[in-house]
């Protein structure tokens, strides 16, 4: 085969680079156009209008902070009052994360080549994870609240449903980087599929599984608080009631904000430390 001239290689490379830049520019232009049209449409359908109300964006936070400052001595009592609701929110997030992670672990293994129990059903399990990941928690929660009534159970099921798909996608990517040699060795001595997964796969992927699960736990705390606004229990429900009453209850809303903000920051810091230890292990300890 004749050698390709250097000038031809350079020309082909420049042409490929030009095409990539052109495609990137077109995609960026389409994205900006969609963002602009979506904003204009939303602003037209908004009751008050974005630009006309932009100058009042800080009015509500200022009103809440002003009332909270006036009733500052009552803040500790409000924190004690709403602490059980905060614990309920954390319990919802913890239970939904655990349930979702367990289902995600099984689905991810069933959807990974070289690990799947039924290789022909890999597309089916992948689409199942796509569906659970695509369904917003609030939509599932509203349906469950209509069927089961208000409370923490609909919130837990809704968040676990979404967590299954979200973690399943991450877990499957971790599985693809795992070595298949332990699985082949266990299969050669007659181990069952469950034994191959537990003994050959889980020891390899457990640190990354736990790291992603902790990250999802942080997200689920926020999600469980948001679901409280639609009657799914937890501290979000108390926050909705405090804000709905308006003036006179803003000090309670401020206390709930502080509780929720402090909890998210603490959980974020603790989970970050744990994730670093799980991911880097002794390397992190050496740097400390």
Protein backbone atom coordinates (compact mmCIF):
# COMPACT_ATOMS: atom_id res chain seq x y z
CA UNK A 1 0.00 0.00 0.00
CA UNK A 2 1.42 3.35 -1.04
CA UNK A 3 2.28 5.84 1.67
CA UNK A 4 -0.21 8.67 2.07
CA UNK A 5 1.40 12.09 1.58
CA UNK A 6 1.75 14.22 4.68
CA UNK A 7 -0.10 17.07 3.01
CA UNK A 8 -3.07 14.79 2.38
CA UNK A 9 -3.11 13.66 6.02
CA UNK A 10 -2.99 17.29 7.16
CA UNK A 11 -5.79 18.26 4.77
CA UNK A 12 -7.98 15.37 5.93
CA UNK A 13 -7.37 16.29 9.56
CA UNK A 14 -8.23 19.95 8.98
CA UNK A 15 -11.39 18.95 7.10
CA UNK A 16 -12.47 16.67 9.96
CA UNK A 17 -11.77 19.43 12.49
CA UNK A 18 -13.78 21.90 10.41
CA UNK A 19 -16.73 19.50 10.24
CA UNK A 20 -16.67 18.97 14.00
CA UNK A 21 -16.62 22.71 14.63
CA UNK A 22 -19.43 23.22 12.15
CA UNK A 23 -21.60 20.54 13.79
CA UNK A 24 -20.83 21.92 17.24
CA UNK A 25 -21.76 25.42 16.08
CA UNK A 26 -25.04 24.19 14.60
CA UNK A 27 -25.92 22.30 17.80
CA UNK A 28 -25.08 25.35 19.90
CA UNK A 29 -27.22 27.58 17.70
CA UNK A 30 -30.15 25.15 17.93
CA UNK A 31 -29.74 24.95 21.71
CA UNK A 32 -29.69 28.75 22.08
CA UNK A 33 -32.73 29.08 19.80
CA UNK A 34 -34.67 26.51 21.81
CA UNK A 35 -33.72 28.22 25.08
CA UNK A 36 -34.77 31.63 23.76
CA UNK A 37 -38.06 30.40 22.32
CA UNK A 38 -38.85 28.46 25.48
CA UNK A 39 -38.16 31.50 27.63
CA UNK A 40 -40.33 33.75 25.45
CA UNK A 41 -43.17 31.22 25.50
CA UNK A 42 -42.96 30.77 29.27
CA UNK A 43 -42.83 34.54 29.83
CA UNK A 44 -45.90 35.07 27.62
CA UNK A 45 -47.89 32.46 29.52
CA UNK A 46 -46.74 33.65 32.93
CA UNK A 47 -49.39 35.60 34.83
CA UNK A 48 -47.15 38.48 35.84
CA UNK A 49 -44.28 38.46 33.34
CA UNK A 50 -40.65 37.89 34.16
CA UNK A 51 -39.18 41.28 33.28
CA UNK A 52 -41.98 43.27 34.90
CA UNK A 53 -41.48 41.43 38.20
CA UNK A 54 -37.71 41.07 38.14
CA UNK A 55 -37.17 44.10 40.39
CA UNK A 56 -39.22 42.40 43.14
CA UNK A 57 -37.22 39.19 43.20
CA UNK A 58 -35.75 39.89 46.64
CA UNK A 59 -38.96 41.19 48.26
CA UNK A 60 -40.11 37.84 49.63
CA UNK A 61 -36.71 36.75 51.06
CA UNK A 62 -36.35 40.18 52.67
CA UNK A 63 -39.81 39.87 54.24
CA UNK A 64 -39.05 36.41 55.61
CA UNK A 65 -35.69 37.49 57.05
CA UNK A 66 -37.18 40.64 58.55
CA UNK A 67 -39.88 38.73 60.39
CA UNK A 68 -37.41 36.03 61.48
CA UNK A 69 -35.09 38.71 62.87
CA UNK A 70 -37.95 40.26 64.84
CA UNK A 71 -38.82 36.88 66.38
CA UNK A 72 -35.26 35.60 66.77
CA UNK A 73 -35.79 34.36 70.38
CA UNK A 74 -38.43 31.94 69.08
CA UNK A 75 -36.01 30.31 66.60
CA UNK A 76 -34.70 27.53 68.92
CA UNK A 77 -38.27 26.51 69.81
CA UNK A 78 -39.20 26.31 66.12
CA UNK A 79 -36.12 24.19 65.38
CA UNK A 80 -37.10 21.74 68.14
CA UNK A 81 -40.68 21.72 66.87
CA UNK A 82 -39.76 20.78 63.31
CA UNK A 83 -36.87 18.42 64.10
CA UNK A 84 -39.16 15.32 63.96
CA UNK A 85 -40.29 16.33 60.46
CA UNK A 86 -36.66 16.67 59.42
CA UNK A 87 -35.94 13.19 60.75
CA UNK A 88 -38.92 11.90 58.76
CA UNK A 89 -37.49 13.51 55.61
CA UNK A 90 -34.09 11.91 56.21
CA UNK A 91 -35.76 8.54 56.83
CA UNK A 92 -37.68 8.84 53.55
CA UNK A 93 -34.45 9.63 51.70
CA UNK A 94 -32.52 6.84 53.41
CA UNK A 95 -35.15 4.14 52.84
CA UNK A 96 -35.74 5.14 49.22
CA UNK A 97 -31.99 5.21 48.53
CA UNK A 98 -31.50 1.75 50.02
CA UNK A 99 -34.45 0.22 48.16
CA UNK A 100 -33.53 1.93 44.88
CA UNK A 101 -29.87 0.91 45.19
CA UNK A 102 -30.77 -2.76 45.71
CA UNK A 103 -33.04 -2.84 42.66
CA UNK A 104 -30.49 -0.85 40.66
CA UNK A 105 -27.74 -3.32 41.52
CA UNK A 106 -29.77 -6.27 40.26
CA UNK A 107 -30.99 -4.49 37.12
CA UNK A 108 -27.51 -3.21 36.26
CA UNK A 109 -26.05 -6.72 36.42
CA UNK A 110 -28.89 -8.10 34.32
CA UNK A 111 -28.25 -5.34 31.76
CA UNK A 112 -24.44 -5.74 31.47
CA UNK A 113 -22.85 -7.92 28.81
CA UNK A 114 -20.83 -10.76 30.30
CA UNK A 115 -22.83 -10.66 33.54
CA UNK A 116 -26.44 -10.91 32.37
CA UNK A 117 -28.42 -13.94 33.47
CA UNK A 118 -30.45 -13.76 30.25
CA UNK A 119 -28.35 -12.02 27.55
CA UNK A 120 -31.26 -11.73 25.12
CA UNK A 121 -33.19 -9.65 27.66
CA UNK A 122 -30.45 -7.05 28.13
CA UNK A 123 -32.32 -4.44 25.98
CA UNK A 124 -35.47 -5.03 28.05
CA UNK A 125 -33.71 -4.38 31.35
CA UNK A 126 -31.99 -1.31 29.93
CA UNK A 127 -35.29 0.15 28.74
CA UNK A 128 -36.78 -0.57 32.17
CA UNK A 129 -34.02 1.53 33.76
CA UNK A 130 -34.60 4.26 31.19
CA UNK A 131 -38.30 4.38 32.03
CA UNK A 132 -37.76 4.56 35.79
CA UNK A 133 -35.11 7.24 35.32
CA UNK A 134 -37.28 9.30 32.97
CA UNK A 135 -40.29 9.44 35.31
CA UNK A 136 -40.03 12.52 37.62
CA UNK A 137 -40.49 11.79 41.32
CA UNK A 138 -43.25 14.37 41.66
CA UNK A 139 -45.35 12.73 38.93
CA UNK A 140 -45.08 9.29 40.53
CA UNK A 141 -45.75 10.80 43.96
CA UNK A 142 -48.93 12.57 42.77
CA UNK A 143 -50.28 9.32 41.32
CA UNK A 144 -49.46 7.39 44.51
CA UNK A 145 -50.95 10.10 46.72
CA UNK A 146 -54.19 9.80 44.73
CA UNK A 147 -54.17 6.02 45.29
CA UNK A 148 -52.65 5.69 48.78
CA UNK A 149 -53.33 9.11 50.29
CA UNK A 150 -50.85 11.60 51.67
CA UNK A 151 -47.90 10.57 53.83
CA UNK A 152 -44.30 9.41 53.64
CA UNK A 153 -45.00 6.08 51.90
CA UNK A 154 -45.87 7.60 48.47
CA UNK A 155 -42.78 9.80 48.68
CA UNK A 156 -40.55 6.84 49.54
CA UNK A 157 -41.91 4.73 46.66
CA UNK A 158 -41.66 7.61 44.17
CA UNK A 159 -38.06 8.46 45.07
CA UNK A 160 -37.04 4.78 45.14
CA UNK A 161 -38.62 4.33 41.68
CA UNK A 162 -36.55 7.15 40.21
CA UNK A 163 -33.43 6.15 42.16
CA UNK A 164 -33.57 2.66 40.65
CA UNK A 165 -33.16 4.02 37.15
CA UNK A 166 -30.63 6.72 38.04
CA UNK A 167 -28.34 4.41 40.02
CA UNK A 168 -28.93 1.53 37.61
CA UNK A 169 -27.39 3.57 34.81
CA UNK A 170 -24.36 4.47 36.95
CA UNK A 171 -23.95 0.95 38.29
CA UNK A 172 -24.05 -0.55 34.79
CA UNK A 173 -21.20 1.74 33.72
CA UNK A 174 -19.21 0.57 36.74
CA UNK A 175 -19.96 -3.06 35.85
CA UNK A 176 -18.58 -2.59 32.34
CA UNK A 177 -15.17 -1.76 33.83
CA UNK A 178 -15.11 -4.83 36.09
CA UNK A 179 -12.96 -7.82 35.21
CA UNK A 180 -14.83 -10.88 33.96
CA UNK A 181 -12.10 -13.34 34.90
CA UNK A 182 -13.47 -14.03 38.43
CA UNK A 183 -16.90 -14.67 36.90
CA UNK A 184 -15.43 -17.14 34.40
CA UNK A 185 -13.50 -18.89 37.17
CA UNK A 186 -16.57 -19.24 39.37
CA UNK A 187 -18.63 -20.44 36.40
CA UNK A 188 -16.05 -23.14 35.65
CA UNK A 189 -16.50 -24.64 39.13
CA UNK A 190 -20.31 -24.67 38.88
CA UNK A 191 -21.25 -21.52 40.77
CA UNK A 192 -24.76 -20.17 40.26
CA UNK A 193 -25.44 -16.77 38.69
CA UNK A 194 -26.11 -15.21 42.09
CA UNK A 195 -22.90 -16.64 43.51
CA UNK A 196 -20.92 -15.36 40.52
CA UNK A 197 -22.33 -11.87 41.02
CA UNK A 198 -21.86 -11.76 44.79
CA UNK A 199 -18.38 -13.29 44.85
CA UNK A 200 -16.96 -12.22 41.48
CA UNK A 201 -18.49 -8.81 40.81
CA UNK A 202 -19.59 -7.16 44.05
CA UNK A 203 -16.10 -7.11 45.67
CA UNK A 204 -14.79 -5.24 42.62
CA UNK A 205 -17.57 -2.66 42.32
CA UNK A 206 -18.69 -2.18 45.95
CA UNK A 207 -16.65 1.02 46.59
CA UNK A 208 -18.06 2.72 43.49
CA UNK A 209 -21.55 1.44 44.26
CA UNK A 210 -21.41 2.94 47.75
CA UNK A 211 -19.95 6.19 46.44
CA UNK A 212 -22.78 6.66 43.94
CA UNK A 213 -25.39 5.61 46.53
CA UNK A 214 -24.13 8.25 48.98
CA UNK A 215 -24.28 10.87 46.25
CA UNK A 216 -27.84 9.82 45.47
CA UNK A 217 -28.73 10.00 49.17
CA UNK A 218 -27.88 13.72 49.13
CA UNK A 219 -30.11 14.24 46.10
CA UNK A 220 -32.95 12.25 47.67
CA UNK A 221 -32.98 14.45 50.78
CA UNK A 222 -33.71 17.43 48.56
CA UNK A 223 -36.27 15.43 46.58
CA UNK A 224 -38.11 14.27 49.71
CA UNK A 225 -38.30 17.87 50.94
CA UNK A 226 -39.73 19.00 47.60
CA UNK A 227 -42.30 16.20 47.56
CA UNK A 228 -43.58 17.46 50.91
CA UNK A 229 -45.08 20.39 49.01
CA UNK A 230 -47.53 18.02 47.30
CA UNK A 231 -48.59 16.34 50.55
CA UNK A 232 -46.00 13.57 50.74
CA UNK A 233 -45.02 14.32 54.33
CA UNK A 234 -41.73 15.36 55.84
CA UNK A 235 -40.38 18.82 56.46
CA UNK A 236 -41.43 20.01 53.02
CA UNK A 237 -45.08 19.70 54.06
CA UNK A 238 -44.45 21.89 57.13
CA UNK A 239 -42.60 24.41 54.99
CA UNK A 240 -45.53 24.61 52.59
CA UNK A 241 -47.95 25.24 55.46
CA UNK A 242 -45.72 27.89 57.04
CA UNK A 243 -45.38 29.74 53.73
CA UNK A 244 -49.07 29.40 52.92
CA UNK A 245 -50.10 31.21 56.11
CA UNK A 246 -48.07 34.23 55.03
CA UNK A 247 -47.13 36.97 57.46
CA UNK A 248 -46.98 35.81 61.04
CA UNK A 249 -45.55 32.41 60.11
CA UNK A 250 -42.46 33.48 58.19
CA UNK A 251 -40.29 32.97 61.26
CA UNK A 252 -41.27 29.28 61.23
CA UNK A 253 -40.49 29.11 57.50
CA UNK A 254 -37.05 30.59 58.20
CA UNK A 255 -36.41 27.99 60.91
CA UNK A 256 -37.35 25.20 58.50
CA UNK A 257 -35.08 26.67 55.84
CA UNK A 258 -32.20 26.71 58.31
CA UNK A 259 -32.86 23.13 59.38
CA UNK A 260 -33.03 21.88 55.81
CA UNK A 261 -30.01 23.89 54.66
CA UNK A 262 -27.89 22.77 57.61
CA UNK A 263 -28.85 19.13 57.12
CA UNK A 264 -28.01 19.16 53.41
CA UNK A 265 -24.64 20.80 54.07
CA UNK A 266 -23.75 18.31 56.82
CA UNK A 267 -24.83 15.29 54.79
CA UNK A 268 -22.98 16.64 51.76
CA UNK A 269 -19.74 17.04 53.71
CA UNK A 270 -20.00 13.66 55.44
CA UNK A 271 -20.83 11.79 52.25
CA UNK A 272 -18.01 13.57 50.40
CA UNK A 273 -15.52 12.38 53.03
CA UNK A 274 -16.90 8.83 52.87
CA UNK A 275 -16.85 8.82 49.07
CA UNK A 276 -13.23 9.96 49.06
CA UNK A 277 -12.26 7.22 51.50
CA UNK A 278 -14.12 4.59 49.49
CA UNK A 279 -12.66 5.78 46.18
CA UNK A 280 -9.08 6.61 47.11
CA UNK A 281 -8.60 4.57 50.29
CA UNK A 282 -5.11 4.67 51.68
CA UNK A 283 -4.03 7.32 49.20
CA UNK A 284 -6.33 9.82 50.91
CA UNK A 285 -4.99 8.85 54.35
CA UNK A 286 -1.43 9.29 53.12
CA UNK A 287 -2.16 12.81 51.92
CA UNK A 288 -3.73 13.68 55.27
